[in-house]
Amino acid sequence: MSRWSRAAALGVGVIVVACMLVAGLVGVRAFLIEIFRAPSSAMLPTVPAGSLLVVQKLGFGNYGAFGITIARTRPTVAAQRGDIVVFEYPVDRRTLVFMRVVGVEGDRIDQPGKLQVCCIHSALLSAGYLA
């Protein structure tokens, strides 16, 4: 094998390995986890503005990376009370919204008057939960 053949084989090998790494990283970001930055201080004190949020995507049905949607399927995992969820704002799908799940299917949520309290099934949520 000549010197140029070895160099060409090495170059092709490096390109193949680099492509495999990029495909793996895109796959992880599209289907497993994605990192977001909290845009505002709306969830203080638990999530300060600018915090990094690592979001689990597997099982929630919206798979994509870098603004490109690869697949949308029915969710196979249900969000639980207290989880922070990220979703597309229905009016403008380019805007992502971060919110905490307060109630799940079957819960009856009340916010009596204009008070900064929340009740689930007439039981007052603890202040620590709302923070």
N, C-alpha and C. Protein backbone atom coordinates (compact mmCIF):
# COMPACT_ATOMS: atom_id res chain seq x y z
N MET A 1 0.85 -1.16 0.00
CA MET A 1 0.00 0.00 0.00
C MET A 1 0.90 1.23 0.00
N SER A 2 0.58 2.17 -0.88
CA SER A 2 1.42 3.36 -0.97
C SER A 2 1.11 4.33 0.16
N ARG A 3 1.99 5.32 0.29
CA ARG A 3 1.83 6.32 1.34
C ARG A 3 0.52 7.08 1.15
N TRP A 4 0.15 7.38 -0.10
CA TRP A 4 -1.08 8.13 -0.37
C TRP A 4 -2.30 7.29 -0.07
N SER A 5 -2.26 6.02 -0.30
CA SER A 5 -3.39 5.14 0.00
C SER A 5 -3.64 5.08 1.50
N ARG A 6 -2.56 4.99 2.27
CA ARG A 6 -2.72 4.98 3.74
C ARG A 6 -3.30 6.29 4.23
N ALA A 7 -2.80 7.40 3.68
CA ALA A 7 -3.30 8.72 4.08
C ALA A 7 -4.77 8.87 3.72
N ALA A 8 -5.16 8.38 2.55
CA ALA A 8 -6.57 8.46 2.13
C ALA A 8 -7.43 7.60 3.03
N ALA A 9 -6.98 6.41 3.37
CA ALA A 9 -7.74 5.52 4.25
C ALA A 9 -7.89 6.14 5.64
N LEU A 10 -6.83 6.74 6.14
CA LEU A 10 -6.88 7.40 7.44
C LEU A 10 -7.85 8.58 7.40
N GLY A 11 -7.80 9.36 6.34
CA GLY A 11 -8.71 10.50 6.19
C GLY A 11 -10.16 10.07 6.15
N VAL A 12 -10.44 9.01 5.40
CA VAL A 12 -11.81 8.48 5.32
C VAL A 12 -12.25 7.97 6.70
N GLY A 13 -11.36 7.31 7.39
CA GLY A 13 -11.68 6.82 8.73
C GLY A 13 -12.01 7.93 9.70
N VAL A 14 -11.23 9.00 9.65
CA VAL A 14 -11.47 10.15 10.53
C VAL A 14 -12.82 10.79 10.20
N ILE A 15 -13.13 10.91 8.93
CA ILE A 15 -14.41 11.50 8.51
C ILE A 15 -15.58 10.62 8.97
N VAL A 16 -15.46 9.32 8.83
CA VAL A 16 -16.52 8.39 9.26
C VAL A 16 -16.74 8.49 10.77
N VAL A 17 -15.67 8.51 11.55
CA VAL A 17 -15.80 8.62 13.01
C VAL A 17 -16.43 9.96 13.39
N ALA A 18 -16.02 11.04 12.75
CA ALA A 18 -16.59 12.35 13.04
C ALA A 18 -18.09 12.38 12.71
N CYS A 19 -18.49 11.80 11.60
CA CYS A 19 -19.91 11.74 11.22
C CYS A 19 -20.71 10.92 12.22
N MET A 20 -20.14 9.83 12.70
CA MET A 20 -20.82 9.00 13.69
C MET A 20 -21.01 9.76 15.00
N LEU A 21 -20.01 10.51 15.43
CA LEU A 21 -20.13 11.31 16.65
C LEU A 21 -21.20 12.38 16.51
N VAL A 22 -21.22 13.07 15.39
CA VAL A 22 -22.23 14.11 15.16
C VAL A 22 -23.62 13.49 15.14
N ALA A 23 -23.79 12.37 14.45
CA ALA A 23 -25.10 11.69 14.40
C ALA A 23 -25.52 11.24 15.79
N GLY A 24 -24.60 10.76 16.59
CA GLY A 24 -24.92 10.34 17.95
C GLY A 24 -25.36 11.51 18.81
N LEU A 25 -24.67 12.63 18.71
CA LEU A 25 -25.03 13.82 19.49
C LEU A 25 -26.39 14.37 19.07
N VAL A 26 -26.66 14.41 17.77
CA VAL A 26 -27.97 14.87 17.29
C VAL A 26 -29.06 13.91 17.77
N GLY A 27 -28.79 12.62 17.73
CA GLY A 27 -29.77 11.63 18.21
C GLY A 27 -30.08 11.80 19.69
N VAL A 28 -29.05 12.03 20.50
CA VAL A 28 -29.26 12.25 21.94
C VAL A 28 -30.10 13.50 22.15
N ARG A 29 -29.76 14.57 21.46
CA ARG A 29 -30.50 15.82 21.63
C ARG A 29 -31.93 15.72 21.10
N ALA A 30 -32.14 14.96 20.05
CA ALA A 30 -33.47 14.85 19.45
C ALA A 30 -34.39 13.94 20.25
N PHE A 31 -33.87 12.85 20.81
CA PHE A 31 -34.74 11.84 21.40
C PHE A 31 -34.59 11.65 22.91
N LEU A 32 -33.48 12.02 23.52
CA LEU A 32 -33.29 11.72 24.93
C LEU A 32 -33.36 12.96 25.82
N ILE A 33 -32.44 13.89 25.66
CA ILE A 33 -32.41 15.08 26.51
C ILE A 33 -32.11 16.31 25.67
N GLU A 34 -32.53 17.45 26.19
CA GLU A 34 -32.17 18.73 25.57
C GLU A 34 -31.96 19.74 26.70
N ILE A 35 -31.06 20.65 26.50
CA ILE A 35 -30.75 21.64 27.52
C ILE A 35 -31.33 22.99 27.10
N PHE A 36 -32.07 23.61 28.02
CA PHE A 36 -32.66 24.93 27.79
C PHE A 36 -32.16 25.88 28.86
N ARG A 37 -32.23 27.16 28.58
CA ARG A 37 -31.91 28.19 29.55
C ARG A 37 -33.24 28.84 29.97
N ALA A 38 -33.49 28.94 31.28
CA ALA A 38 -34.71 29.56 31.79
C ALA A 38 -34.74 31.03 31.36
N PRO A 39 -35.76 31.45 30.61
CA PRO A 39 -35.77 32.78 30.04
C PRO A 39 -36.10 33.91 31.01
N SER A 40 -36.80 33.59 32.12
CA SER A 40 -37.20 34.66 33.03
C SER A 40 -37.17 34.17 34.47
N SER A 41 -37.50 35.06 35.38
CA SER A 41 -37.50 34.71 36.80
C SER A 41 -38.89 34.33 37.28
N ALA A 42 -39.76 33.89 36.40
CA ALA A 42 -41.14 33.57 36.76
C ALA A 42 -41.24 32.39 37.73
N MET A 43 -40.22 31.55 37.82
CA MET A 43 -40.27 30.39 38.70
C MET A 43 -39.34 30.53 39.90
N LEU A 44 -39.05 31.78 40.28
CA LEU A 44 -38.23 32.00 41.46
C LEU A 44 -38.94 31.45 42.69
N PRO A 45 -38.29 30.96 43.70
CA PRO A 45 -36.85 30.88 43.91
C PRO A 45 -36.25 29.56 43.42
N THR A 46 -37.09 28.63 42.95
CA THR A 46 -36.53 27.32 42.59
C THR A 46 -35.74 27.34 41.29
N VAL A 47 -36.14 28.17 40.33
CA VAL A 47 -35.43 28.25 39.05
C VAL A 47 -35.14 29.72 38.74
N PRO A 48 -33.94 30.21 39.08
CA PRO A 48 -33.60 31.60 38.77
C PRO A 48 -33.46 31.82 37.26
N ALA A 49 -33.65 33.06 36.84
CA ALA A 49 -33.49 33.41 35.43
C ALA A 49 -32.08 33.03 34.97
N GLY A 50 -31.98 32.46 33.79
CA GLY A 50 -30.69 32.08 33.24
C GLY A 50 -30.22 30.69 33.64
N SER A 51 -30.98 30.00 34.48
CA SER A 51 -30.59 28.64 34.89
C SER A 51 -30.67 27.68 33.71
N LEU A 52 -29.81 26.67 33.73
CA LEU A 52 -29.88 25.64 32.71
C LEU A 52 -30.83 24.54 33.17
N LEU A 53 -31.74 24.15 32.29
CA LEU A 53 -32.69 23.09 32.56
C LEU A 53 -32.40 21.93 31.63
N VAL A 54 -32.18 20.75 32.18
CA VAL A 54 -31.97 19.55 31.38
C VAL A 54 -33.31 18.85 31.29
N VAL A 55 -33.85 18.75 30.08
CA VAL A 55 -35.19 18.25 29.85
C VAL A 55 -35.13 16.82 29.30
N GLN A 56 -35.86 15.91 29.96
CA GLN A 56 -35.98 14.53 29.47
C GLN A 56 -37.05 14.51 28.39
N LYS A 57 -36.72 13.99 27.21
CA LYS A 57 -37.65 13.97 26.10
C LYS A 57 -38.26 12.60 25.85
N LEU A 58 -37.54 11.57 26.21
CA LEU A 58 -37.97 10.20 25.90
C LEU A 58 -39.32 9.91 26.55
N GLY A 59 -40.30 9.55 25.74
CA GLY A 59 -41.62 9.19 26.23
C GLY A 59 -42.63 10.31 26.19
N PHE A 60 -42.20 11.55 25.92
CA PHE A 60 -43.14 12.67 25.93
C PHE A 60 -43.65 13.05 24.55
N GLY A 61 -43.14 12.42 23.48
CA GLY A 61 -43.76 12.50 22.18
C GLY A 61 -43.38 13.62 21.25
N ASN A 62 -42.52 14.55 21.63
CA ASN A 62 -42.13 15.63 20.73
C ASN A 62 -40.62 15.57 20.55
N TYR A 63 -40.18 15.02 19.42
CA TYR A 63 -38.77 14.77 19.21
C TYR A 63 -38.23 15.65 18.09
N GLY A 64 -37.16 16.36 18.38
CA GLY A 64 -36.53 17.20 17.39
C GLY A 64 -35.29 17.84 17.96
N ALA A 65 -34.52 18.46 17.08
CA ALA A 65 -33.29 19.13 17.50
C ALA A 65 -33.03 20.30 16.57
N PHE A 66 -32.46 21.34 17.14
CA PHE A 66 -32.05 22.52 16.38
C PHE A 66 -33.20 23.14 15.60
N GLY A 67 -34.40 23.13 16.18
CA GLY A 67 -35.56 23.73 15.54
C GLY A 67 -36.22 22.87 14.48
N ILE A 68 -35.75 21.66 14.29
CA ILE A 68 -36.32 20.76 13.29
C ILE A 68 -37.04 19.63 14.02
N THR A 69 -38.33 19.47 13.75
CA THR A 69 -39.10 18.40 14.37
C THR A 69 -38.89 17.12 13.57
N ILE A 70 -38.45 16.08 14.26
CA ILE A 70 -38.21 14.79 13.61
C ILE A 70 -39.45 13.92 13.69
N ALA A 71 -40.10 13.91 14.86
CA ALA A 71 -41.29 13.08 15.03
C ALA A 71 -42.16 13.63 16.15
N ARG A 72 -43.46 13.44 16.00
CA ARG A 72 -44.43 13.74 17.07
C ARG A 72 -45.25 12.48 17.25
N THR A 73 -45.20 11.95 18.45
CA THR A 73 -45.95 10.73 18.76
C THR A 73 -46.81 10.97 20.00
N ARG A 74 -47.66 10.01 20.31
CA ARG A 74 -48.46 10.11 21.53
C ARG A 74 -47.54 9.90 22.72
N PRO A 75 -47.70 10.71 23.76
CA PRO A 75 -46.86 10.53 24.96
C PRO A 75 -47.10 9.16 25.60
N THR A 76 -46.04 8.56 26.06
CA THR A 76 -46.13 7.28 26.78
C THR A 76 -45.79 7.46 28.25
N VAL A 77 -45.41 8.68 28.65
CA VAL A 77 -45.09 9.01 30.03
C VAL A 77 -45.96 10.19 30.44
N ALA A 78 -46.55 10.12 31.62
CA ALA A 78 -47.38 11.22 32.11
C ALA A 78 -46.57 12.13 33.02
N ALA A 79 -46.78 13.43 32.86
CA ALA A 79 -46.13 14.39 33.76
C ALA A 79 -46.76 14.26 35.14
N GLN A 80 -45.95 14.40 36.15
CA GLN A 80 -46.41 14.29 37.54
C GLN A 80 -46.50 15.67 38.18
N ARG A 81 -47.30 15.78 39.22
CA ARG A 81 -47.43 17.04 39.93
C ARG A 81 -46.06 17.48 40.44
N GLY A 82 -45.70 18.72 40.18
CA GLY A 82 -44.40 19.26 40.60
C GLY A 82 -43.35 19.25 39.50
N ASP A 83 -43.57 18.50 38.43
CA ASP A 83 -42.62 18.48 37.31
C ASP A 83 -42.60 19.85 36.62
N ILE A 84 -41.47 20.19 36.04
CA ILE A 84 -41.38 21.37 35.20
C ILE A 84 -41.46 20.87 33.76
N VAL A 85 -42.39 21.41 33.00
CA VAL A 85 -42.58 20.98 31.62
C VAL A 85 -42.24 22.13 30.67
N VAL A 86 -41.80 21.77 29.49
CA VAL A 86 -41.50 22.72 28.43
C VAL A 86 -42.41 22.38 27.26
N PHE A 87 -43.11 23.38 26.75
CA PHE A 87 -43.98 23.13 25.61
C PHE A 87 -44.01 24.34 24.69
N GLU A 88 -44.50 24.11 23.48
CA GLU A 88 -44.61 25.19 22.50
C GLU A 88 -45.85 26.02 22.81
N TYR A 89 -45.70 27.34 22.80
CA TYR A 89 -46.83 28.24 23.00
C TYR A 89 -47.78 28.07 21.82
N PRO A 90 -49.06 27.76 22.07
CA PRO A 90 -49.98 27.46 20.96
C PRO A 90 -50.15 28.59 19.95
N VAL A 91 -50.05 29.84 20.38
CA VAL A 91 -50.23 30.97 19.46
C VAL A 91 -49.02 31.14 18.55
N ASP A 92 -47.83 30.94 19.09
CA ASP A 92 -46.59 31.09 18.33
C ASP A 92 -45.70 29.88 18.65
N ARG A 93 -45.69 28.88 17.79
CA ARG A 93 -44.99 27.62 18.05
C ARG A 93 -43.47 27.78 18.17
N ARG A 94 -42.92 28.94 17.81
CA ARG A 94 -41.48 29.16 17.96
C ARG A 94 -41.11 29.53 19.39
N THR A 95 -42.12 29.90 20.19
CA THR A 95 -41.89 30.29 21.58
C THR A 95 -42.07 29.09 22.50
N LEU A 96 -41.06 28.84 23.34
CA LEU A 96 -41.16 27.76 24.32
C LEU A 96 -41.58 28.32 25.67
N VAL A 97 -42.46 27.60 26.36
CA VAL A 97 -42.98 28.02 27.66
C VAL A 97 -42.57 26.99 28.69
N PHE A 98 -42.11 27.46 29.86
CA PHE A 98 -41.71 26.61 30.97
C PHE A 98 -42.73 26.80 32.09
N MET A 99 -43.33 25.70 32.57
CA MET A 99 -44.30 25.80 33.67
C MET A 99 -44.18 24.57 34.56
N ARG A 100 -44.64 24.76 35.81
CA ARG A 100 -44.67 23.65 36.76
C ARG A 100 -46.07 23.03 36.73
N VAL A 101 -46.13 21.69 36.74
CA VAL A 101 -47.40 20.98 36.75
C VAL A 101 -47.99 21.08 38.15
N VAL A 102 -49.20 21.65 38.25
CA VAL A 102 -49.86 21.79 39.54
C VAL A 102 -50.89 20.68 39.72
N GLY A 103 -51.59 20.34 38.67
CA GLY A 103 -52.60 19.29 38.77
C GLY A 103 -52.48 18.31 37.63
N VAL A 104 -52.93 17.11 37.88
CA VAL A 104 -52.93 16.05 36.86
C VAL A 104 -54.37 15.59 36.65
N GLU A 105 -54.56 14.68 35.74
CA GLU A 105 -55.90 14.20 35.40
C GLU A 105 -56.64 13.73 36.65
N GLY A 106 -57.86 14.22 36.80
CA GLY A 106 -58.68 13.85 37.95
C GLY A 106 -58.60 14.83 39.11
N ASP A 107 -57.63 15.75 39.11
CA ASP A 107 -57.52 16.73 40.18
C ASP A 107 -58.52 17.86 39.98
N ARG A 108 -59.02 18.40 41.10
CA ARG A 108 -59.87 19.58 41.07
C ARG A 108 -59.07 20.71 41.72
N ILE A 109 -58.75 21.73 40.93
CA ILE A 109 -57.88 22.82 41.37
C ILE A 109 -58.74 24.04 41.68
N ASP A 110 -58.51 24.66 42.83
CA ASP A 110 -59.21 25.89 43.20
C ASP A 110 -58.17 26.93 43.58
N GLN A 111 -58.50 28.19 43.25
CA GLN A 111 -57.70 29.32 43.72
C GLN A 111 -58.69 30.31 44.31
N PRO A 112 -58.96 30.16 45.61
CA PRO A 112 -60.01 30.97 46.22
C PRO A 112 -59.69 32.46 46.20
N GLY A 113 -60.64 33.24 45.69
CA GLY A 113 -60.47 34.69 45.65
C GLY A 113 -59.24 35.09 44.85
N LYS A 114 -58.61 36.15 45.28
CA LYS A 114 -57.39 36.63 44.63
C LYS A 114 -56.16 36.27 45.45
N LEU A 115 -56.27 35.28 46.31
CA LEU A 115 -55.17 34.90 47.18
C LEU A 115 -54.09 34.17 46.40
N GLN A 116 -52.87 34.25 46.88
CA GLN A 116 -51.74 33.56 46.27
C GLN A 116 -51.62 32.14 46.83
N VAL A 117 -52.74 31.43 46.89
CA VAL A 117 -52.74 30.05 47.38
C VAL A 117 -53.42 29.18 46.33
N CYS A 118 -53.20 27.89 46.44
CA CYS A 118 -53.79 26.95 45.51
C CYS A 118 -54.26 25.73 46.30
N CYS A 119 -55.44 25.23 45.99
CA CYS A 119 -55.98 24.06 46.67
C CYS A 119 -56.21 22.96 45.65
N ILE A 120 -55.86 21.73 46.01
CA ILE A 120 -56.16 20.56 45.19
C ILE A 120 -57.08 19.69 46.03
N HIS A 121 -58.29 19.41 45.50
CA HIS A 121 -59.31 18.64 46.22
C HIS A 121 -59.57 19.27 47.59
N SER A 122 -59.66 20.60 47.63
CA SER A 122 -59.93 21.40 48.83
C SER A 122 -58.81 21.35 49.86
N ALA A 123 -57.67 20.77 49.54
CA ALA A 123 -56.53 20.75 50.47
C ALA A 123 -55.52 21.81 50.00
N LEU A 124 -55.14 22.69 50.91
CA LEU A 124 -54.22 23.76 50.60
C LEU A 124 -52.83 23.20 50.30
N LEU A 125 -52.25 23.64 49.19
CA LEU A 125 -50.88 23.24 48.88
C LEU A 125 -49.92 23.95 49.82
N SER A 126 -48.86 23.29 50.20
CA SER A 126 -47.89 23.93 51.09
C SER A 126 -47.17 25.05 50.35
N ALA A 127 -46.74 26.05 51.10
CA ALA A 127 -46.03 27.18 50.49
C ALA A 127 -44.73 26.73 49.85
N GLY A 128 -44.08 25.71 50.41
CA GLY A 128 -42.84 25.20 49.83
C GLY A 128 -43.05 24.59 48.46
N TYR A 129 -44.23 24.02 48.25
CA TYR A 129 -44.52 23.42 46.96
C TYR A 129 -44.68 24.48 45.89
N LEU A 130 -45.30 25.59 46.24
CA LEU A 130 -45.53 26.65 45.27
C LEU A 130 -44.26 27.40 44.93
N ALA A 131 -43.27 27.36 45.80
CA ALA A 131 -42.03 28.09 45.56
C ALA A 131 -41.15 27.39 44.58
